[in-house]
C-alpha atoms as a PDB file:
ATOM      1  CA  MET A   1     -20.521  47.404 -17.707  1.00  0.00           C
ATOM      2  CA  THR A   2     -22.708  49.939 -15.943  1.00  0.00           C
ATOM      3  CA  GLN A   3     -20.959  52.000 -13.267  1.00  0.00           C
ATOM      4  CA  THR A   4     -22.824  53.242 -10.219  1.00  0.00           C
ATOM      5  CA  PRO A   5     -22.277  56.959  -9.719  1.00  0.00           C
ATOM      6  CA  SER A   6     -20.248  57.682  -6.602  1.00  0.00           C
ATOM      7  CA  SER A   7     -22.048  59.400  -3.747  1.00  0.00           C
ATOM      8  CA  PRO A   8     -21.306  63.104  -3.166  1.00  0.00           C
ATOM      9  CA  ARG A   9     -18.425  63.854  -0.796  1.00  0.00           C
ATOM     10  CA  LEU A  10     -19.611  64.678   2.698  1.00  0.00           C
ATOM     11  CA  PRO A  11     -18.258  68.070   3.812  1.00  0.00           C
ATOM     12  CA  VAL A  12     -15.782  67.897   6.681  1.00  0.00           C
ATOM     13  CA  ALA A  13     -15.880  70.231   9.700  1.00  0.00           C
ATOM     14  CA  LEU A  14     -13.103  70.577  12.259  1.00  0.00           C
ATOM     15  CA  ILE A  15     -14.309  71.756  15.677  1.00  0.00           C
ATOM     16  CA  THR A  16     -11.566  72.683  18.149  1.00  0.00           C
ATOM     17  CA  GLY A  17     -12.969  72.809  21.664  1.00  0.00           C
ATOM     18  CA  ALA A  18     -15.794  70.426  20.748  1.00  0.00           C
ATOM     19  CA  SER A  19     -16.451  68.631  24.023  1.00  0.00           C
ATOM     20  CA  ARG A  20     -18.814  71.124  25.645  1.00  0.00           C
ATOM     21  CA  GLY A  21     -20.695  74.384  25.241  1.00  0.00           C
ATOM     22  CA  LEU A  22     -20.890  76.083  21.860  1.00  0.00           C
ATOM     23  CA  GLY A  23     -18.327  73.751  20.290  1.00  0.00           C
ATOM     24  CA  ALA A  24     -20.418  70.674  21.099  1.00  0.00           C
ATOM     25  CA  ALA A  25     -23.591  72.453  19.984  1.00  0.00           C
ATOM     26  CA  LEU A  26     -21.997  73.353  16.637  1.00  0.00           C
ATOM     27  CA  ALA A  27     -20.821  69.776  16.174  1.00  0.00           C
ATOM     28  CA  GLU A  28     -24.336  68.456  16.763  1.00  0.00           C
ATOM     29  CA  ALA A  29     -25.905  71.071  14.487  1.00  0.00           C
ATOM     30  CA  LEU A  30     -23.481  70.232  11.680  1.00  0.00           C
ATOM     31  CA  ALA A  31     -23.690  66.451  12.140  1.00  0.00           C
ATOM     32  CA  PRO A  32     -26.542  65.810   9.665  1.00  0.00           C
ATOM     33  CA  SER A  33     -24.617  67.504   6.844  1.00  0.00           C
ATOM     34  CA  HIS A  34     -20.917  67.177   7.755  1.00  0.00           C
ATOM     35  CA  HIS A  35     -18.429  64.645   8.993  1.00  0.00           C
ATOM     36  CA  ILE A  36     -17.233  66.096  12.291  1.00  0.00           C
ATOM     37  CA  ILE A  37     -13.623  66.068  13.492  1.00  0.00           C
ATOM     38  CA  ALA A  38     -14.003  66.834  17.198  1.00  0.00           C
ATOM     39  CA  VAL A  39     -10.946  68.050  19.116  1.00  0.00           C
ATOM     40  CA  ALA A  40     -10.826  68.485  22.895  1.00  0.00           C
ATOM     41  CA  LYS A  41      -8.793  67.350  25.893  1.00  0.00           C
ATOM     42  CA  THR A  42     -11.653  65.489  27.632  1.00  0.00           C
ATOM     43  CA  THR A  43     -12.054  61.997  26.162  1.00  0.00           C
ATOM     44  CA  GLY A  44     -15.239  61.161  28.063  1.00  0.00           C
ATOM     45  CA  ALA A  45     -17.032  64.302  26.897  1.00  0.00           C
ATOM     46  CA  LEU A  46     -15.965  63.602  23.294  1.00  0.00           C
ATOM     47  CA  GLU A  47     -17.377  60.083  23.526  1.00  0.00           C
ATOM     48  CA  GLU A  48     -20.676  61.483  24.793  1.00  0.00           C
ATOM     49  CA  LEU A  49     -20.694  63.929  21.877  1.00  0.00           C
ATOM     50  CA  ASP A  50     -20.042  61.049  19.494  1.00  0.00           C
ATOM     51  CA  ASP A  51     -23.113  59.246  20.844  1.00  0.00           C
ATOM     52  CA  ARG A  52     -25.280  62.328  20.242  1.00  0.00           C
ATOM     53  CA  ILE A  53     -23.871  62.782  16.733  1.00  0.00           C
ATOM     54  CA  LYS A  54     -24.595  59.144  15.890  1.00  0.00           C
ATOM     55  CA  ALA A  55     -28.123  59.560  17.253  1.00  0.00           C
ATOM     56  CA  ARG A  56     -28.589  62.289  14.632  1.00  0.00           C
ATOM     57  CA  GLY A  57     -27.403  59.937  11.920  1.00  0.00           C
ATOM     58  CA  GLY A  58     -24.025  61.639  11.631  1.00  0.00           C
ATOM     59  CA  SER A  59     -20.423  60.524  11.920  1.00  0.00           C
ATOM     60  CA  ALA A  60     -17.433  61.858  13.811  1.00  0.00           C
ATOM     61  CA  THR A  61     -13.716  61.385  14.226  1.00  0.00           C
ATOM     62  CA  LEU A  62     -12.671  61.993  17.829  1.00  0.00           C
ATOM     63  CA  ALA A  63      -9.304  63.636  18.478  1.00  0.00           C
ATOM     64  CA  PRO A  64      -8.605  63.842  22.236  1.00  0.00           C
ATOM     65  CA  MET A  65      -5.733  66.309  22.024  1.00  0.00           C
ATOM     66  CA  ASP A  66      -4.394  69.464  23.626  1.00  0.00           C
ATOM     67  CA  ILE A  67      -4.319  72.237  21.019  1.00  0.00           C
ATOM     68  CA  THR A  68      -1.209  73.699  22.656  1.00  0.00           C
ATOM     69  CA  ASN A  69       0.722  70.568  21.614  1.00  0.00           C
ATOM     70  CA  GLN A  70       2.076  71.685  18.244  1.00  0.00           C
ATOM     71  CA  ASP A  71       3.267  68.209  17.240  1.00  0.00           C
ATOM     72  CA  ALA A  72      -0.186  66.759  17.932  1.00  0.00           C
ATOM     73  CA  MET A  73      -1.845  69.484  15.859  1.00  0.00           C
ATOM     74  CA  ALA A  74       0.588  68.896  12.998  1.00  0.00           C
ATOM     75  CA  THR A  75      -0.161  65.173  13.098  1.00  0.00           C
ATOM     76  CA  LEU A  76      -3.905  65.846  13.163  1.00  0.00           C
ATOM     77  CA  CYS A  77      -3.819  68.194  10.178  1.00  0.00           C
ATOM     78  CA  ARG A  78      -1.587  65.811   8.217  1.00  0.00           C
ATOM     79  CA  GLY A  79      -4.080  63.046   8.970  1.00  0.00           C
ATOM     80  CA  ILE A  80      -6.946  65.221   7.740  1.00  0.00           C
ATOM     81  CA  PHE A  81      -5.097  65.847   4.489  1.00  0.00           C
ATOM     82  CA  ASP A  82      -4.241  62.178   4.000  1.00  0.00           C
ATOM     83  CA  ARG A  83      -7.800  60.999   4.624  1.00  0.00           C
ATOM     84  CA  TRP A  84     -10.021  63.769   3.242  1.00  0.00           C
ATOM     85  CA  GLY A  85      -7.696  66.064   1.307  1.00  0.00           C
ATOM     86  CA  GLN A  86      -9.337  69.222   2.615  1.00  0.00           C
ATOM     87  CA  LEU A  87     -11.575  70.878   5.178  1.00  0.00           C
ATOM     88  CA  ASP A  88     -14.789  72.745   4.471  1.00  0.00           C
ATOM     89  CA  LEU A  89     -15.177  74.403   7.869  1.00  0.00           C
ATOM     90  CA  TRP A  90     -13.053  75.084  10.937  1.00  0.00           C
ATOM     91  CA  ALA A  91     -14.836  76.384  14.042  1.00  0.00           C
ATOM     92  CA  HIS A  92     -12.389  77.413  16.768  1.00  0.00           C
ATOM     93  CA  THR A  93     -14.168  77.429  20.125  1.00  0.00           C
ATOM     94  CA  ALA A  94     -11.289  76.213  22.327  1.00  0.00           C
ATOM     95  CA  ILE A  95     -10.392  78.700  25.045  1.00  0.00           C
ATOM     96  CA  HIS A  96      -8.487  78.870  28.313  1.00  0.00           C
ATOM     97  CA  ALA A  97     -10.464  80.809  30.901  1.00  0.00           C
ATOM     98  CA  ALA A  98      -8.025  82.089  33.519  1.00  0.00           C
ATOM     99  CA  PRO A  99      -9.449  83.104  36.905  1.00  0.00           C
ATOM    100  CA  LEU A 100     -10.679  86.668  37.174  1.00  0.00           C
ATOM    101  CA  THR A 101      -8.259  88.930  38.998  1.00  0.00           C
ATOM    102  CA  PRO A 102      -7.186  92.590  39.062  1.00  0.00           C
ATOM    103  CA  ALA A 103      -4.592  93.417  36.424  1.00  0.00           C
ATOM    104  CA  ASP A 104      -1.966  94.085  39.060  1.00  0.00           C
ATOM    105  CA  HIS A 105      -2.510  90.652  40.628  1.00  0.00           C
ATOM    106  CA  ILE A 106      -2.356  88.477  37.493  1.00  0.00           C
ATOM    107  CA  ASP A 107      -0.646  85.157  38.153  1.00  0.00           C
ATOM    108  CA  SER A 108       2.162  84.567  35.653  1.00  0.00           C
ATOM    109  CA  LYS A 109       1.253  80.893  35.196  1.00  0.00           C
ATOM    110  CA  ASP A 110      -2.367  81.755  34.426  1.00  0.00           C
ATOM    111  CA  PHE A 111      -1.254  84.428  31.983  1.00  0.00           C
ATOM    112  CA  ASP A 112       1.188  82.066  30.256  1.00  0.00           C
ATOM    113  CA  LYS A 113      -1.532  79.411  29.890  1.00  0.00           C
ATOM    114  CA  SER A 114      -3.882  82.017  28.420  1.00  0.00           C
ATOM    115  CA  ILE A 115      -1.315  83.111  25.851  1.00  0.00           C
ATOM    116  CA  ALA A 116      -0.351  79.514  25.002  1.00  0.00           C
ATOM    117  CA  CYS A 117      -3.920  78.362  24.379  1.00  0.00           C
ATOM    118  CA  ASN A 118      -5.715  81.457  23.173  1.00  0.00           C
ATOM    119  CA  VAL A 119      -2.976  83.094  21.106  1.00  0.00           C
ATOM    120  CA  THR A 120      -0.026  80.839  20.266  1.00  0.00           C
ATOM    121  CA  ALA A 121      -2.112  77.737  19.557  1.00  0.00           C
ATOM    122  CA  THR A 122      -4.500  79.799  17.431  1.00  0.00           C
ATOM    123  CA  ALA A 123      -1.622  81.167  15.345  1.00  0.00           C
ATOM    124  CA  VAL A 124      -0.202  77.662  14.884  1.00  0.00           C
ATOM    125  CA  LEU A 125      -3.587  76.255  13.900  1.00  0.00           C
ATOM    126  CA  ILE A 126      -4.189  79.027  11.378  1.00  0.00           C
ATOM    127  CA  ARG A 127      -0.895  78.092   9.740  1.00  0.00           C
ATOM    128  CA  PHE A 128      -1.763  74.383   9.690  1.00  0.00           C
ATOM    129  CA  VAL A 129      -5.441  74.660   8.781  1.00  0.00           C
ATOM    130  CA  ALA A 130      -5.277  77.370   6.087  1.00  0.00           C
ATOM    131  CA  PRO A 131      -3.959  74.999   3.377  1.00  0.00           C
ATOM    132  CA  LEU A 132      -6.709  72.496   4.212  1.00  0.00           C
ATOM    133  CA  LEU A 133      -9.408  75.149   3.830  1.00  0.00           C
ATOM    134  CA  GLY A 134      -7.993  76.372   0.530  1.00  0.00           C
ATOM    135  CA  GLN A 135      -9.908  79.100  -1.267  1.00  0.00           C
ATOM    136  CA  ALA A 136     -13.439  77.861  -0.615  1.00  0.00           C
ATOM    137  CA  GLY A 137     -13.400  76.786   3.042  1.00  0.00           C
ATOM    138  CA  THR A 138     -14.538  78.814   6.030  1.00  0.00           C
ATOM    139  CA  ALA A 139     -12.820  79.548   9.350  1.00  0.00           C
ATOM    140  CA  LEU A 140     -15.059  80.644  12.201  1.00  0.00           C
ATOM    141  CA  PHE A 141     -13.925  82.488  15.340  1.00  0.00           C
ATOM    142  CA  PHE A 142     -15.870  83.814  18.316  1.00  0.00           C
ATOM    143  CA  ASP A 143     -15.429  87.217  19.916  1.00  0.00           C
ATOM    144  CA  ASP A 144     -16.370  88.052  23.503  1.00  0.00           C
ATOM    145  CA  PRO A 145     -17.488  91.543  24.570  1.00  0.00           C
ATOM    146  CA  ASN A 146     -16.197  90.841  28.094  1.00  0.00           C
ATOM    147  CA  LYS A 147     -12.581  91.253  26.981  1.00  0.00           C
ATOM    148  CA  GLY A 148     -11.202  94.454  28.411  1.00  0.00           C
ATOM    149  CA  GLY A 149     -13.681  94.377  31.293  1.00  0.00           C
ATOM    150  CA  ARG A 150     -12.786  94.617  34.953  1.00  0.00           C
ATOM    151  CA  PHE A 151     -10.766  91.629  36.207  1.00  0.00           C
ATOM    152  CA  PHE A 152     -10.648  90.015  32.744  1.00  0.00           C
ATOM    153  CA  GLY A 153      -6.957  90.797  32.213  1.00  0.00           C
ATOM    154  CA  SER A 154      -5.514  87.363  31.388  1.00  0.00           C
ATOM    155  CA  TYR A 155      -8.523  86.095  29.474  1.00  0.00           C
ATOM    156  CA  GLY A 156      -9.331  89.439  27.878  1.00  0.00           C
ATOM    157  CA  ALA A 157      -5.825  90.259  26.675  1.00  0.00           C
ATOM    158  CA  SER A 158      -5.372  86.805  25.138  1.00  0.00           C
ATOM    159  CA  LYS A 159      -8.859  86.801  23.622  1.00  0.00           C
ATOM    160  CA  ALA A 160      -8.256  90.230  22.092  1.00  0.00           C
ATOM    161  CA  ALA A 161      -4.999  88.965  20.589  1.00  0.00           C
ATOM    162  CA  GLN A 162      -6.768  85.904  19.210  1.00  0.00           C
ATOM    163  CA  ILE A 163      -9.419  88.035  17.527  1.00  0.00           C
ATOM    164  CA  ALA A 164      -6.748  90.392  16.181  1.00  0.00           C
ATOM    165  CA  LEU A 165      -5.123  87.368  14.512  1.00  0.00           C
ATOM    166  CA  ALA A 166      -8.467  86.362  13.031  1.00  0.00           C
ATOM    167  CA  GLN A 167      -9.143  89.889  11.797  1.00  0.00           C
ATOM    168  CA  SER A 168      -5.739  90.091  10.122  1.00  0.00           C
ATOM    169  CA  TRP A 169      -6.316  86.750   8.414  1.00  0.00           C
ATOM    170  CA  GLN A 170      -9.818  87.871   7.422  1.00  0.00           C
ATOM    171  CA  SER A 171      -8.437  90.992   5.751  1.00  0.00           C
ATOM    172  CA  GLU A 172      -5.575  89.146   4.067  1.00  0.00           C
ATOM    173  CA  ALA A 173      -7.827  86.397   2.709  1.00  0.00           C
ATOM    174  CA  ALA A 174     -10.693  88.635   1.584  1.00  0.00           C
ATOM    175  CA  ARG A 175      -9.930  88.162  -2.114  1.00  0.00           C
ATOM    176  CA  THR A 176      -8.175  84.812  -2.176  1.00  0.00           C
ATOM    177  CA  GLY A 177      -9.976  82.827   0.507  1.00  0.00           C
ATOM    178  CA  PRO A 178     -10.575  81.053   2.742  1.00  0.00           C
ATOM    179  CA  LYS A 179     -13.546  82.919   4.163  1.00  0.00           C
ATOM    180  CA  VAL A 180     -12.842  84.036   7.732  1.00  0.00           C
ATOM    181  CA  GLN A 181     -15.863  84.910   9.867  1.00  0.00           C
ATOM    182  CA  ILE A 182     -16.015  86.270  13.415  1.00  0.00           C
ATOM    183  CA  ALA A 183     -19.236  85.707  15.340  1.00  0.00           C
ATOM    184  CA  VAL A 184     -20.325  87.275  18.622  1.00  0.00           C
ATOM    185  CA  PRO A 185     -22.590  84.761  20.388  1.00  0.00           C
ATOM    186  CA  GLN A 186     -25.090  85.757  23.031  1.00  0.00           C
ATOM    187  CA  PRO A 187     -24.137  84.895  26.639  1.00  0.00           C
ATOM    188  CA  MET A 188     -24.670  81.157  27.171  1.00  0.00           C
ATOM    189  CA  PRO A 189     -24.669  78.895  30.261  1.00  0.00           C
ATOM    190  CA  THR A 190     -21.274  77.392  29.492  1.00  0.00           C
ATOM    191  CA  ALA A 191     -18.671  76.147  31.942  1.00  0.00           C
ATOM    192  CA  THR A 192     -16.444  79.092  31.007  1.00  0.00           C
ATOM    193  CA  ARG A 193     -19.144  81.627  31.818  1.00  0.00           C
ATOM    194  CA  ALA A 194     -19.945  79.830  35.080  1.00  0.00           C
ATOM    195  CA  ARG A 195     -16.342  80.424  36.162  1.00  0.00           C
ATOM    196  CA  PHE A 196     -16.659  84.123  35.379  1.00  0.00           C
ATOM    197  CA  PHE A 197     -20.195  84.707  36.706  1.00  0.00           C
ATOM    198  CA  PRO A 198     -20.898  81.986  39.288  1.00  0.00           C
ATOM    199  CA  GLY A 199     -23.956  83.638  40.826  1.00  0.00           C
ATOM    200  CA  GLU A 200     -25.941  84.708  37.775  1.00  0.00           C
ATOM    201  CA  ASP A 201     -29.320  83.322  36.695  1.00  0.00           C
ATOM    202  CA  ARG A 202     -28.360  80.767  34.055  1.00  0.00           C
ATOM    203  CA  ALA A 203     -31.985  80.322  32.989  1.00  0.00           C
ATOM    204  CA  ALA A 204     -31.860  83.798  31.446  1.00  0.00           C
ATOM    205  CA  LEU A 205     -28.925  82.898  29.167  1.00  0.00           C
ATOM    206  CA  ALA A 206     -29.130  81.837  25.527  1.00  0.00           C
ATOM    207  CA  ASP A 207     -29.334  78.142  24.647  1.00  0.00           C
ATOM    208  CA  PRO A 208     -26.046  77.000  23.003  1.00  0.00           C
ATOM    209  CA  HIS A 209     -27.897  74.849  20.470  1.00  0.00           C
ATOM    210  CA  ARG A 210     -30.042  77.757  19.360  1.00  0.00           C
ATOM    211  CA  GLN A 211     -26.954  79.968  19.162  1.00  0.00           C
ATOM    212  CA  ALA A 212     -25.216  77.334  17.030  1.00  0.00           C
ATOM    213  CA  GLN A 213     -28.152  77.279  14.618  1.00  0.00           C
ATOM    214  CA  GLU A 214     -28.180  81.076  14.377  1.00  0.00           C
ATOM    215  CA  ILE A 215     -24.434  81.229  13.756  1.00  0.00           C
ATOM    216  CA  LEU A 216     -24.630  78.611  11.011  1.00  0.00           C
ATOM    217  CA  LYS A 217     -27.580  80.399   9.401  1.00  0.00           C
ATOM    218  CA  ALA A 218     -25.529  83.611   9.354  1.00  0.00           C
ATOM    219  CA  LEU A 219     -22.662  81.708   7.701  1.00  0.00           C
ATOM    220  CA  THR A 220     -25.024  80.485   5.002  1.00  0.00           C
ATOM    221  CA  ARG A 221     -26.302  84.008   4.368  1.00  0.00           C
ATOM    222  CA  ALA A 222     -22.749  85.328   4.130  1.00  0.00           C
ATOM    223  CA  ALA A 223     -21.664  82.656   1.637  1.00  0.00           C
END
């Protein structure tokens, strides 16, 4: 009896913060070559992303979840292991953008939300996702030069801590894997940036889809 060779396994990419902005652009750019696991809190925006991914001939699993819910993230990662056994790429674009305010006027609730989403959830996800990436997978984080700027206290402090976590993991995994990369995208007309710079000329900002393509090209060169 002749056996038909099985088709190659489609790489799997987890995008946290996939509903809008750079996360959505990365999901769409990866869709022709990867199965996308799209995580975000906004169900409607995820469904719209799914339509665009399908229009590109791709496939997605939608996970409308809050990354600060540790039990939900544990369930998600267990489900990824049970269904696919591993991840090839994790792109972490989820962020909480607290209102800009002087450092001596920071609201404690805004600061706590920033730490919970941008730091604690990132640390938890690194712990959960690292075994899925194994030695050969790639984790991708995104730095922001605005951290440390005037009025960026809550966002900037939590973003700096997030990147410090990524840098530590990058150093620790340099020989054993997974590959940990930190990109610095150009300013883009995202909802987060609109909150920070409501009056700027958005036409002068970089297109998220073009930025996604450039980031993925850089990943390929670094491989």
